[in-house]
Amino acid sequence: MDANLILYLGRYTLETALLLSAPVLIVCTLVGLIISILQAVTSIRDMTLTVVPKLIAVGFTILLFGSWMLEITLKFTIDIFSHISKVGHF
């Protein structure tokens, strides 16, 4: 196992993690920004107003992108296991 393979696997892992988390993080950021603007305009400081919409938005995002996320995860897992099986065979 050489350094190039280790760097490739590390980069591939980080790219996959970023790709999987991007939809949820983007939706959370947008909903949080909208709620913050709404709270600033109306002077409402209720904590449930920030948590509940984010939970609902994350739930819908996971329902919407869940099959795509599972497909990416399965591809990543198959690729990693194929690299593991090749480690002892040169």
N, C-alpha and C. Protein backbone atom coordinates (compact mmCIF):
# COMPACT_ATOMS: atom_id res chain seq x y z
N MET A 1 0.85 -1.17 0.00
CA MET A 1 0.00 0.00 0.00
C MET A 1 0.90 1.23 0.00
N ASP A 2 0.81 2.02 -1.04
CA ASP A 2 1.68 3.18 -1.14
C ASP A 2 0.96 4.46 -0.70
N ALA A 3 1.71 5.54 -0.64
CA ALA A 3 1.18 6.81 -0.15
C ALA A 3 0.11 7.38 -1.08
N ASN A 4 0.25 7.14 -2.37
CA ASN A 4 -0.75 7.66 -3.32
C ASN A 4 -2.12 7.06 -3.08
N LEU A 5 -2.15 5.76 -2.79
CA LEU A 5 -3.43 5.11 -2.52
C LEU A 5 -4.05 5.63 -1.24
N ILE A 6 -3.24 5.84 -0.22
CA ILE A 6 -3.75 6.37 1.04
C ILE A 6 -4.29 7.78 0.86
N LEU A 7 -3.57 8.62 0.12
CA LEU A 7 -4.06 9.97 -0.15
C LEU A 7 -5.34 9.95 -0.97
N TYR A 8 -5.42 9.05 -1.95
CA TYR A 8 -6.63 8.93 -2.76
C TYR A 8 -7.82 8.53 -1.90
N LEU A 9 -7.63 7.52 -1.04
CA LEU A 9 -8.74 7.06 -0.19
C LEU A 9 -9.16 8.14 0.80
N GLY A 10 -8.21 8.86 1.36
CA GLY A 10 -8.55 9.95 2.27
C GLY A 10 -9.34 11.05 1.58
N ARG A 11 -8.88 11.42 0.39
CA ARG A 11 -9.59 12.46 -0.36
C ARG A 11 -10.97 11.98 -0.78
N TYR A 12 -11.06 10.75 -1.22
CA TYR A 12 -12.35 10.18 -1.64
C TYR A 12 -13.33 10.14 -0.47
N THR A 13 -12.83 9.80 0.72
CA THR A 13 -13.67 9.77 1.91
C THR A 13 -14.18 11.16 2.26
N LEU A 14 -13.31 12.15 2.24
CA LEU A 14 -13.73 13.52 2.56
C LEU A 14 -14.70 14.08 1.52
N GLU A 15 -14.46 13.79 0.25
CA GLU A 15 -15.37 14.26 -0.79
C GLU A 15 -16.75 13.62 -0.65
N THR A 16 -16.77 12.34 -0.31
CA THR A 16 -18.05 11.66 -0.12
C THR A 16 -18.80 12.22 1.08
N ALA A 17 -18.10 12.46 2.17
CA ALA A 17 -18.73 13.02 3.35
C ALA A 17 -19.30 14.41 3.07
N LEU A 18 -18.56 15.22 2.34
CA LEU A 18 -19.04 16.55 1.97
C LEU A 18 -20.25 16.46 1.05
N LEU A 19 -20.21 15.56 0.11
CA LEU A 19 -21.31 15.39 -0.82
C LEU A 19 -22.58 14.92 -0.11
N LEU A 20 -22.43 14.03 0.86
CA LEU A 20 -23.59 13.52 1.58
C LEU A 20 -24.19 14.55 2.54
N SER A 21 -23.34 15.36 3.13
CA SER A 21 -23.84 16.32 4.12
C SER A 21 -24.31 17.63 3.50
N ALA A 22 -23.94 17.90 2.27
CA ALA A 22 -24.25 19.19 1.64
C ALA A 22 -25.74 19.53 1.60
N PRO A 23 -26.63 18.64 1.16
CA PRO A 23 -28.05 19.03 1.10
C PRO A 23 -28.62 19.41 2.47
N VAL A 24 -28.29 18.64 3.49
CA VAL A 24 -28.82 18.92 4.83
C VAL A 24 -28.23 20.22 5.37
N LEU A 25 -26.94 20.43 5.20
CA LEU A 25 -26.31 21.65 5.70
C LEU A 25 -26.82 22.89 4.99
N ILE A 26 -27.03 22.81 3.69
CA ILE A 26 -27.54 23.96 2.95
C ILE A 26 -28.95 24.31 3.39
N VAL A 27 -29.80 23.30 3.54
CA VAL A 27 -31.18 23.55 3.96
C VAL A 27 -31.21 24.12 5.37
N CYS A 28 -30.40 23.56 6.29
CA CYS A 28 -30.35 24.08 7.66
C CYS A 28 -29.88 25.53 7.69
N THR A 29 -28.89 25.84 6.88
CA THR A 29 -28.38 27.21 6.84
C THR A 29 -29.44 28.18 6.31
N LEU A 30 -30.11 27.79 5.24
CA LEU A 30 -31.14 28.67 4.67
C LEU A 30 -32.32 28.85 5.62
N VAL A 31 -32.79 27.78 6.23
CA VAL A 31 -33.92 27.89 7.17
C VAL A 31 -33.50 28.71 8.39
N GLY A 32 -32.30 28.51 8.89
CA GLY A 32 -31.82 29.29 10.02
C GLY A 32 -31.71 30.77 9.70
N LEU A 33 -31.25 31.08 8.49
CA LEU A 33 -31.16 32.48 8.07
C LEU A 33 -32.53 33.12 7.96
N ILE A 34 -33.47 32.41 7.37
CA ILE A 34 -34.83 32.93 7.23
C ILE A 34 -35.47 33.15 8.59
N ILE A 35 -35.32 32.20 9.50
CA ILE A 35 -35.89 32.32 10.84
C ILE A 35 -35.22 33.46 11.61
N SER A 36 -33.91 33.62 11.46
CA SER A 36 -33.21 34.72 12.14
C SER A 36 -33.70 36.07 11.65
N ILE A 37 -33.89 36.18 10.34
CA ILE A 37 -34.41 37.45 9.80
C ILE A 37 -35.82 37.69 10.32
N LEU A 38 -36.64 36.65 10.35
CA LEU A 38 -38.01 36.76 10.86
C LEU A 38 -38.00 37.18 12.33
N GLN A 39 -37.10 36.60 13.14
CA GLN A 39 -37.02 36.97 14.54
C GLN A 39 -36.52 38.40 14.73
N ALA A 40 -35.61 38.83 13.89
CA ALA A 40 -35.11 40.21 14.00
C ALA A 40 -36.18 41.23 13.64
N VAL A 41 -36.99 40.89 12.65
CA VAL A 41 -38.03 41.82 12.22
C VAL A 41 -39.17 41.88 13.23
N THR A 42 -39.55 40.74 13.79
CA THR A 42 -40.71 40.70 14.69
C THR A 42 -40.34 40.75 16.16
N SER A 43 -39.07 40.71 16.51
CA SER A 43 -38.58 40.72 17.90
C SER A 43 -39.10 39.54 18.72
N ILE A 44 -39.35 38.42 18.07
CA ILE A 44 -39.75 37.20 18.77
C ILE A 44 -38.48 36.43 19.12
N ARG A 45 -38.32 36.04 20.37
CA ARG A 45 -37.10 35.36 20.81
C ARG A 45 -37.40 33.96 21.35
N ASP A 46 -38.34 33.27 20.77
CA ASP A 46 -38.70 31.93 21.23
C ASP A 46 -37.74 30.92 20.61
N MET A 47 -37.13 30.06 21.45
CA MET A 47 -36.15 29.09 20.97
C MET A 47 -36.80 27.98 20.13
N THR A 48 -38.05 27.63 20.42
CA THR A 48 -38.69 26.58 19.63
C THR A 48 -38.94 27.04 18.19
N LEU A 49 -38.99 28.33 18.00
CA LEU A 49 -39.20 28.86 16.66
C LEU A 49 -38.00 28.58 15.77
N THR A 50 -36.82 28.42 16.34
CA THR A 50 -35.65 28.12 15.52
C THR A 50 -35.44 26.63 15.34
N VAL A 51 -35.78 25.83 16.34
CA VAL A 51 -35.49 24.40 16.29
C VAL A 51 -36.50 23.63 15.46
N VAL A 52 -37.76 23.88 15.67
CA VAL A 52 -38.81 23.08 15.01
C VAL A 52 -38.79 23.22 13.49
N PRO A 53 -38.70 24.42 12.92
CA PRO A 53 -38.63 24.50 11.45
C PRO A 53 -37.39 23.82 10.87
N LYS A 54 -36.25 23.90 11.58
CA LYS A 54 -35.05 23.22 11.10
C LYS A 54 -35.24 21.71 11.11
N LEU A 55 -35.84 21.17 12.16
CA LEU A 55 -36.09 19.73 12.21
C LEU A 55 -37.02 19.28 11.09
N ILE A 56 -38.05 20.05 10.84
CA ILE A 56 -38.99 19.71 9.77
C ILE A 56 -38.29 19.80 8.40
N ALA A 57 -37.49 20.84 8.20
CA ALA A 57 -36.78 21.00 6.93
C ALA A 57 -35.77 19.88 6.72
N VAL A 58 -35.05 19.50 7.77
CA VAL A 58 -34.09 18.41 7.66
C VAL A 58 -34.80 17.10 7.37
N GLY A 59 -35.93 16.86 8.00
CA GLY A 59 -36.71 15.65 7.73
C GLY A 59 -37.15 15.57 6.28
N PHE A 60 -37.66 16.67 5.74
CA PHE A 60 -38.07 16.68 4.34
C PHE A 60 -36.88 16.53 3.39
N THR A 61 -35.76 17.12 3.77
CA THR A 61 -34.55 17.00 2.94
C THR A 61 -34.06 15.56 2.90
N ILE A 62 -34.07 14.90 4.04
CA ILE A 62 -33.65 13.50 4.07
C ILE A 62 -34.63 12.62 3.30
N LEU A 63 -35.92 12.91 3.39
CA LEU A 63 -36.90 12.16 2.59
C LEU A 63 -36.69 12.39 1.10
N LEU A 64 -36.36 13.61 0.74
CA LEU A 64 -36.19 13.94 -0.67
C LEU A 64 -34.88 13.39 -1.24
N PHE A 65 -33.79 13.51 -0.49
CA PHE A 65 -32.48 13.11 -0.98
C PHE A 65 -32.00 11.78 -0.42
N GLY A 66 -32.82 11.10 0.36
CA GLY A 66 -32.39 9.87 1.03
C GLY A 66 -31.95 8.77 0.08
N SER A 67 -32.69 8.55 -0.98
CA SER A 67 -32.32 7.47 -1.91
C SER A 67 -31.01 7.80 -2.62
N TRP A 68 -30.82 9.07 -2.97
CA TRP A 68 -29.57 9.49 -3.59
C TRP A 68 -28.40 9.34 -2.63
N MET A 69 -28.62 9.71 -1.38
CA MET A 69 -27.57 9.59 -0.36
C MET A 69 -27.21 8.12 -0.13
N LEU A 70 -28.21 7.26 -0.11
CA LEU A 70 -27.96 5.83 0.06
C LEU A 70 -27.20 5.26 -1.13
N GLU A 71 -27.52 5.72 -2.32
CA GLU A 71 -26.82 5.27 -3.52
C GLU A 71 -25.34 5.66 -3.48
N ILE A 72 -25.06 6.89 -3.07
CA ILE A 72 -23.67 7.37 -2.94
C ILE A 72 -22.94 6.57 -1.87
N THR A 73 -23.61 6.31 -0.75
CA THR A 73 -22.99 5.55 0.34
C THR A 73 -22.68 4.12 -0.09
N LEU A 74 -23.59 3.49 -0.81
CA LEU A 74 -23.35 2.12 -1.28
C LEU A 74 -22.19 2.08 -2.28
N LYS A 75 -22.13 3.04 -3.18
CA LYS A 75 -21.02 3.09 -4.14
C LYS A 75 -19.69 3.27 -3.41
N PHE A 76 -19.68 4.16 -2.42
CA PHE A 76 -18.47 4.39 -1.64
C PHE A 76 -18.04 3.13 -0.89
N THR A 77 -19.00 2.44 -0.28
CA THR A 77 -18.69 1.23 0.48
C THR A 77 -18.14 0.13 -0.43
N ILE A 78 -18.75 -0.05 -1.58
CA ILE A 78 -18.27 -1.06 -2.54
C ILE A 78 -16.86 -0.72 -3.00
N ASP A 79 -16.60 0.56 -3.29
CA ASP A 79 -15.25 0.97 -3.72
C ASP A 79 -14.22 0.73 -2.62
N ILE A 80 -14.56 1.06 -1.39
CA ILE A 80 -13.62 0.88 -0.28
C ILE A 80 -13.34 -0.61 -0.07
N PHE A 81 -14.38 -1.44 -0.09
CA PHE A 81 -14.16 -2.87 0.09
C PHE A 81 -13.35 -3.48 -1.07
N SER A 82 -13.51 -2.95 -2.28
CA SER A 82 -12.70 -3.46 -3.38
C SER A 82 -11.24 -3.08 -3.20
N HIS A 83 -10.98 -1.89 -2.66
CA HIS A 83 -9.59 -1.49 -2.36
C HIS A 83 -9.01 -2.33 -1.22
N ILE A 84 -9.84 -2.67 -0.23
CA ILE A 84 -9.37 -3.50 0.88
C ILE A 84 -8.98 -4.89 0.38
N SER A 85 -9.78 -5.44 -0.54
CA SER A 85 -9.48 -6.77 -1.04
C SER A 85 -8.21 -6.81 -1.90
N LYS A 86 -7.83 -5.67 -2.47
CA LYS A 86 -6.64 -5.60 -3.31
C LYS A 86 -5.36 -5.33 -2.51
N VAL A 87 -5.47 -5.01 -1.24
CA VAL A 87 -4.30 -4.60 -0.46
C VAL A 87 -3.27 -5.72 -0.37
N GLY A 88 -3.68 -6.93 -0.13
CA GLY A 88 -2.73 -8.03 0.03
C GLY A 88 -2.26 -8.63 -1.27
N HIS A 89 -2.82 -8.23 -2.41
CA HIS A 89 -2.49 -8.84 -3.70
C HIS A 89 -1.75 -7.85 -4.58
N PHE A 90 -0.46 -8.07 -4.75
CA PHE A 90 0.33 -7.19 -5.60
C PHE A 90 0.81 -7.93 -6.80
